[in-house]
C-alpha atoms as a PDB file:
ATOM      1  CA  MET A   1      -8.027  27.554 -20.678  1.00  0.00           C
ATOM      2  CA  LYS A   2     -11.324  27.740 -18.845  1.00  0.00           C
ATOM      3  CA  ALA A   3     -10.939  27.447 -15.012  1.00  0.00           C
ATOM      4  CA  GLY A   4     -13.207  24.818 -13.459  1.00  0.00           C
ATOM      5  CA  ILE A   5     -15.269  25.114 -10.329  1.00  0.00           C
ATOM      6  CA  ALA A   6     -12.256  24.826  -7.976  1.00  0.00           C
ATOM      7  CA  GLY A   7     -10.259  27.263 -10.117  1.00  0.00           C
ATOM      8  CA  ALA A   8     -13.286  29.944 -10.304  1.00  0.00           C
ATOM      9  CA  LEU A   9     -13.867  29.487  -6.469  1.00  0.00           C
ATOM     10  CA  THR A  10      -9.991  30.255  -5.440  1.00  0.00           C
ATOM     11  CA  ARG A  11     -10.038  32.967  -7.779  1.00  0.00           C
ATOM     12  CA  ALA A  12     -12.878  34.475  -6.108  1.00  0.00           C
ATOM     13  CA  PHE A  13     -11.784  34.061  -2.614  1.00  0.00           C
ATOM     14  CA  ILE A  14      -8.285  35.532  -3.956  1.00  0.00           C
ATOM     15  CA  THR A  15      -9.634  38.733  -5.305  1.00  0.00           C
ATOM     16  CA  SER A  16     -12.347  39.541  -2.689  1.00  0.00           C
ATOM     17  CA  PRO A  17     -12.132  41.991  -0.243  1.00  0.00           C
ATOM     18  CA  LEU A  18     -14.374  39.821   2.121  1.00  0.00           C
ATOM     19  CA  THR A  19     -11.796  36.972   2.587  1.00  0.00           C
ATOM     20  CA  PRO A  20      -9.890  38.803   5.310  1.00  0.00           C
ATOM     21  CA  LEU A  21     -13.027  39.357   7.159  1.00  0.00           C
ATOM     22  CA  PHE A  22     -13.902  35.717   6.750  1.00  0.00           C
ATOM     23  CA  LEU A  23     -10.439  34.712   8.212  1.00  0.00           C
ATOM     24  CA  VAL A  24     -10.546  37.068  11.085  1.00  0.00           C
ATOM     25  CA  ALA A  25     -14.312  36.136  11.972  1.00  0.00           C
ATOM     26  CA  ALA A  26     -13.177  32.433  11.994  1.00  0.00           C
ATOM     27  CA  PHE A  27     -10.323  33.008  14.165  1.00  0.00           C
ATOM     28  CA  VAL A  28     -12.722  35.068  16.350  1.00  0.00           C
ATOM     29  CA  PHE A  29     -15.086  31.945  16.482  1.00  0.00           C
ATOM     30  CA  GLY A  30     -12.318  29.620  17.357  1.00  0.00           C
ATOM     31  CA  LEU A  31     -11.162  31.650  20.128  1.00  0.00           C
ATOM     32  CA  VAL A  32     -14.535  31.674  21.637  1.00  0.00           C
ATOM     33  CA  ALA A  33     -14.975  28.230  21.370  1.00  0.00           C
ATOM     34  CA  LEU A  34     -11.719  27.587  23.031  1.00  0.00           C
ATOM     35  CA  VAL A  35     -12.261  29.652  25.725  1.00  0.00           C
ATOM     36  CA  SER A  36     -15.719  28.724  26.181  1.00  0.00           C
ATOM     37  CA  LEU A  37     -15.627  25.079  25.982  1.00  0.00           C
ATOM     38  CA  PRO A  38     -15.192  23.109  29.263  1.00  0.00           C
ATOM     39  CA  ARG A  39     -11.701  21.003  29.578  1.00  0.00           C
ATOM     40  CA  GLU A  40     -10.359  18.697  32.063  1.00  0.00           C
ATOM     41  CA  GLU A  41      -6.947  17.260  32.364  1.00  0.00           C
ATOM     42  CA  GLU A  42      -8.151  13.769  33.361  1.00  0.00           C
ATOM     43  CA  PRO A  43     -11.961  13.674  32.398  1.00  0.00           C
ATOM     44  CA  GLN A  44     -14.100  11.107  34.425  1.00  0.00           C
ATOM     45  CA  ILE A  45     -15.357   8.691  31.937  1.00  0.00           C
ATOM     46  CA  SER A  46     -17.994   6.209  32.903  1.00  0.00           C
ATOM     47  CA  VAL A  47     -17.597   2.883  30.860  1.00  0.00           C
ATOM     48  CA  PRO A  48     -18.840   0.264  33.425  1.00  0.00           C
ATOM     49  CA  MET A  49     -17.851  -3.182  33.301  1.00  0.00           C
ATOM     50  CA  VAL A  50     -19.564  -6.063  35.186  1.00  0.00           C
ATOM     51  CA  ASP A  51     -18.099  -9.442  35.603  1.00  0.00           C
ATOM     52  CA  ILE A  52     -20.195 -12.461  36.447  1.00  0.00           C
ATOM     53  CA  ILE A  53     -18.267 -15.309  38.021  1.00  0.00           C
ATOM     54  CA  LEU A  54     -19.740 -18.718  38.176  1.00  0.00           C
ATOM     55  CA  ARG A  55     -18.185 -21.603  39.739  1.00  0.00           C
ATOM     56  CA  ALA A  56     -18.705 -24.661  37.896  1.00  0.00           C
ATOM     57  CA  ASP A  57     -16.925 -27.792  40.083  1.00  0.00           C
ATOM     58  CA  GLY A  58     -16.053 -30.729  38.301  1.00  0.00           C
ATOM     59  CA  LEU A  59     -16.855 -29.541  34.371  1.00  0.00           C
ATOM     60  CA  ARG A  60     -13.876 -29.055  32.075  1.00  0.00           C
ATOM     61  CA  ALA A  61     -13.587 -25.943  30.058  1.00  0.00           C
ATOM     62  CA  GLU A  62     -14.945 -27.573  26.759  1.00  0.00           C
ATOM     63  CA  ASP A  63     -17.993 -28.651  28.624  1.00  0.00           C
ATOM     64  CA  ALA A  64     -18.319 -25.319  30.552  1.00  0.00           C
ATOM     65  CA  VAL A  65     -18.661 -23.491  27.467  1.00  0.00           C
ATOM     66  CA  LYS A  66     -21.416 -25.257  25.820  1.00  0.00           C
ATOM     67  CA  LEU A  67     -23.479 -25.741  29.028  1.00  0.00           C
ATOM     68  CA  ILE A  68     -22.560 -22.142  30.965  1.00  0.00           C
ATOM     69  CA  THR A  69     -20.601 -19.728  28.893  1.00  0.00           C
ATOM     70  CA  GLU A  70     -22.891 -19.800  25.798  1.00  0.00           C
ATOM     71  CA  PRO A  71     -26.012 -19.703  27.365  1.00  0.00           C
ATOM     72  CA  LEU A  72     -24.771 -16.670  29.851  1.00  0.00           C
ATOM     73  CA  GLU A  73     -23.618 -14.776  26.899  1.00  0.00           C
ATOM     74  CA  THR A  74     -26.786 -14.692  25.204  1.00  0.00           C
ATOM     75  CA  ILE A  75     -28.590 -13.461  28.441  1.00  0.00           C
ATOM     76  CA  VAL A  76     -26.074 -10.981  28.760  1.00  0.00           C
ATOM     77  CA  LYS A  77     -26.330  -9.556  25.312  1.00  0.00           C
ATOM     78  CA  GLY A  78     -29.934  -9.159  25.665  1.00  0.00           C
ATOM     79  CA  ILE A  79     -29.238  -6.692  28.418  1.00  0.00           C
ATOM     80  CA  ASN A  80     -30.104  -2.994  27.466  1.00  0.00           C
ATOM     81  CA  GLY A  81     -27.161  -0.800  27.120  1.00  0.00           C
ATOM     82  CA  VAL A  82     -24.446  -3.577  26.762  1.00  0.00           C
ATOM     83  CA  GLU A  83     -21.909  -2.964  24.246  1.00  0.00           C
ATOM     84  CA  HIS A  84     -19.472  -5.855  24.492  1.00  0.00           C
ATOM     85  CA  VAL A  85     -19.511  -9.276  26.125  1.00  0.00           C
ATOM     86  CA  TYR A  86     -16.127 -11.116  26.752  1.00  0.00           C
ATOM     87  CA  SER A  87     -15.966 -14.653  28.191  1.00  0.00           C
ATOM     88  CA  GLN A  88     -13.367 -16.761  29.846  1.00  0.00           C
ATOM     89  CA  THR A  89     -14.033 -20.094  30.495  1.00  0.00           C
ATOM     90  CA  ARG A  90     -11.292 -22.605  31.980  1.00  0.00           C
ATOM     91  CA  ASP A  91     -11.803 -25.989  34.172  1.00  0.00           C
ATOM     92  CA  ASP A  92     -14.260 -25.146  37.172  1.00  0.00           C
ATOM     93  CA  GLN A  93     -14.875 -21.832  36.246  1.00  0.00           C
ATOM     94  CA  VAL A  94     -16.752 -19.274  33.869  1.00  0.00           C
ATOM     95  CA  MET A  95     -16.261 -15.487  33.980  1.00  0.00           C
ATOM     96  CA  VAL A  96     -18.569 -13.454  31.494  1.00  0.00           C
ATOM     97  CA  THR A  97     -17.847  -9.575  31.336  1.00  0.00           C
ATOM     98  CA  ALA A  98     -20.251  -7.161  29.914  1.00  0.00           C
ATOM     99  CA  ARG A  99     -19.001  -3.832  28.959  1.00  0.00           C
ATOM    100  CA  PHE A 100     -21.961  -1.188  28.837  1.00  0.00           C
ATOM    101  CA  LEU A 101     -22.169   1.854  26.449  1.00  0.00           C
ATOM    102  CA  VAL A 102     -19.958   4.892  27.614  1.00  0.00           C
ATOM    103  CA  GLY A 103     -21.791   7.086  30.111  1.00  0.00           C
ATOM    104  CA  THR A 104     -24.129   4.310  31.789  1.00  0.00           C
ATOM    105  CA  PRO A 105     -24.317   4.870  35.471  1.00  0.00           C
ATOM    106  CA  SER A 106     -22.167   1.941  36.996  1.00  0.00           C
ATOM    107  CA  ASP A 107     -24.994   1.399  39.621  1.00  0.00           C
ATOM    108  CA  SER A 108     -27.441   0.948  37.144  1.00  0.00           C
ATOM    109  CA  ALA A 109     -25.367  -1.681  34.841  1.00  0.00           C
ATOM    110  CA  ILE A 110     -24.966  -3.813  37.848  1.00  0.00           C
ATOM    111  CA  LEU A 111     -28.494  -3.873  38.507  1.00  0.00           C
ATOM    112  CA  ARG A 112     -29.700  -4.492  35.025  1.00  0.00           C
ATOM    113  CA  VAL A 113     -27.199  -7.714  34.723  1.00  0.00           C
ATOM    114  CA  HIS A 114     -28.281  -8.692  38.345  1.00  0.00           C
ATOM    115  CA  GLU A 115     -32.167  -8.827  37.460  1.00  0.00           C
ATOM    116  CA  LYS A 116     -31.579 -10.413  34.193  1.00  0.00           C
ATOM    117  CA  LEU A 117     -29.527 -13.067  35.590  1.00  0.00           C
ATOM    118  CA  ARG A 118     -32.065 -13.836  38.389  1.00  0.00           C
ATOM    119  CA  ALA A 119     -34.771 -13.946  35.469  1.00  0.00           C
ATOM    120  CA  ASN A 120     -33.179 -16.298  33.601  1.00  0.00           C
ATOM    121  CA  MET A 121     -31.131 -18.957  36.209  1.00  0.00           C
ATOM    122  CA  ASP A 122     -33.504 -21.583  34.766  1.00  0.00           C
ATOM    123  CA  ARG A 123     -31.174 -21.460  31.838  1.00  0.00           C
ATOM    124  CA  ILE A 124     -28.030 -22.347  33.941  1.00  0.00           C
ATOM    125  CA  PRO A 125     -27.434 -25.935  34.556  1.00  0.00           C
ATOM    126  CA  VAL A 126     -28.723 -27.305  37.931  1.00  0.00           C
ATOM    127  CA  GLY A 127     -26.147 -27.737  40.734  1.00  0.00           C
ATOM    128  CA  ILE A 128     -24.127 -24.356  39.716  1.00  0.00           C
ATOM    129  CA  PRO A 129     -23.948 -21.833  42.633  1.00  0.00           C
ATOM    130  CA  GLU A 130     -25.459 -18.540  41.926  1.00  0.00           C
ATOM    131  CA  PRO A 131     -23.003 -16.390  40.312  1.00  0.00           C
ATOM    132  CA  LEU A 132     -20.549 -13.739  41.776  1.00  0.00           C
ATOM    133  CA  ILE A 133     -21.443 -10.248  39.842  1.00  0.00           C
ATOM    134  CA  VAL A 134     -18.815  -7.723  40.444  1.00  0.00           C
ATOM    135  CA  GLY A 135     -18.625  -4.116  38.862  1.00  0.00           C
ATOM    136  CA  ARG A 136     -15.884  -2.406  37.620  1.00  0.00           C
ATOM    137  CA  GLY A 137     -15.028   1.127  35.971  1.00  0.00           C
ATOM    138  CA  ILE A 138     -12.196   2.104  33.639  1.00  0.00           C
ATOM    139  CA  ASP A 139      -9.940   3.097  36.584  1.00  0.00           C
ATOM    140  CA  ASP A 140      -9.951  -0.882  37.641  1.00  0.00           C
ATOM    141  CA  VAL A 141      -8.082  -2.122  34.154  1.00  0.00           C
ATOM    142  CA  ALA A 142      -4.764  -2.771  34.716  1.00  0.00           C
ATOM    143  CA  ILE A 143      -2.411  -0.503  32.735  1.00  0.00           C
ATOM    144  CA  LEU A 144       0.810  -2.334  33.900  1.00  0.00           C
ATOM    145  CA  SER A 145       1.321  -6.141  34.366  1.00  0.00           C
ATOM    146  CA  LEU A 146       4.742  -7.869  35.551  1.00  0.00           C
ATOM    147  CA  THR A 147       6.025 -11.063  34.831  1.00  0.00           C
ATOM    148  CA  LEU A 148       8.994 -12.437  36.601  1.00  0.00           C
ATOM    149  CA  THR A 149      11.224 -14.808  35.157  1.00  0.00           C
ATOM    150  CA  PRO A 150      14.943 -15.629  35.726  1.00  0.00           C
ATOM    151  CA  ARG A 151      17.371 -15.086  32.835  1.00  0.00           C
ATOM    152  CA  PRO A 152      18.259 -17.992  30.887  1.00  0.00           C
ATOM    153  CA  GLU A 153      21.857 -18.486  32.239  1.00  0.00           C
ATOM    154  CA  ALA A 154      20.481 -18.100  36.061  1.00  0.00           C
ATOM    155  CA  ALA A 155      17.357 -20.367  35.322  1.00  0.00           C
ATOM    156  CA  GLY A 156      19.102 -23.207  37.388  1.00  0.00           C
ATOM    157  CA  ARG A 157      19.930 -21.068  40.292  1.00  0.00           C
ATOM    158  CA  VAL A 158      16.807 -19.046  40.910  1.00  0.00           C
ATOM    159  CA  THR A 159      13.834 -21.163  41.915  1.00  0.00           C
ATOM    160  CA  ALA A 160       9.956 -20.364  42.095  1.00  0.00           C
ATOM    161  CA  ASN A 161      10.353 -19.437  45.883  1.00  0.00           C
ATOM    162  CA  ASP A 162      12.939 -16.756  44.913  1.00  0.00           C
ATOM    163  CA  LEU A 163      10.805 -15.487  42.409  1.00  0.00           C
ATOM    164  CA  THR A 164       7.918 -15.436  44.590  1.00  0.00           C
ATOM    165  CA  ARG A 165      10.002 -13.687  47.049  1.00  0.00           C
ATOM    166  CA  ILE A 166      11.144 -11.117  44.808  1.00  0.00           C
ATOM    167  CA  ALA A 167       7.355 -10.364  43.405  1.00  0.00           C
ATOM    168  CA  ARG A 168       6.228  -9.751  47.392  1.00  0.00           C
ATOM    169  CA  GLU A 169       8.890  -7.517  47.690  1.00  0.00           C
ATOM    170  CA  LEU A 170       8.150  -5.874  44.587  1.00  0.00           C
ATOM    171  CA  ARG A 171       4.386  -5.646  45.606  1.00  0.00           C
ATOM    172  CA  THR A 172       5.313  -4.294  49.028  1.00  0.00           C
ATOM    173  CA  GLU A 173       7.110  -1.458  47.339  1.00  0.00           C
ATOM    174  CA  MET A 174       4.462  -0.708  44.546  1.00  0.00           C
ATOM    175  CA  ALA A 175       1.731  -0.447  47.142  1.00  0.00           C
ATOM    176  CA  LYS A 176       3.608   2.547  49.043  1.00  0.00           C
ATOM    177  CA  ILE A 177       3.233   4.680  45.730  1.00  0.00           C
ATOM    178  CA  ASP A 178       0.077   7.210  45.762  1.00  0.00           C
ATOM    179  CA  ASN A 179      -2.733   6.170  43.391  1.00  0.00           C
ATOM    180  CA  VAL A 180      -1.787   2.554  42.526  1.00  0.00           C
ATOM    181  CA  GLY A 181      -3.790  -0.399  42.850  1.00  0.00           C
ATOM    182  CA  LEU A 182      -2.639  -3.805  43.318  1.00  0.00           C
ATOM    183  CA  THR A 183      -4.547  -6.712  42.242  1.00  0.00           C
END
């Protein structure tokens, strides 16, 4: 039976006296790459996000979506370097978040959003106050969120005030831990 290309190549590598030399060379190149490439235990990755918060007093969420959220999303999507746009609309408030490409300087991202909004404020309905623009980074994203609820058997005995008191005590204790941010 005649061997195909894979079989012939395999036979050539098995019988060749150069195969051990290739293996040693690959191992040496791998070691050189491992030693020479920089590594960080906790690399600093810049993924800037910019929140745009608008008060829309008196507007229901359904109306705010059409009048504010959709035009604002269109404006933000036109900003250079924006990778994703997220929005959250509720009664009396709209929040649109722009996530920029990895490596975009945070200050530059905030400035781009500010300039683009200034140039397009005529697309936002009259009477809506100027937006609050807040920059965030990857370190500002919560990795833990807690919700306190009573056990079903204790639901009648535990009040909202009890849960609020426990939450405040928990917050105080968590604030004592190094590198923990509370929002």
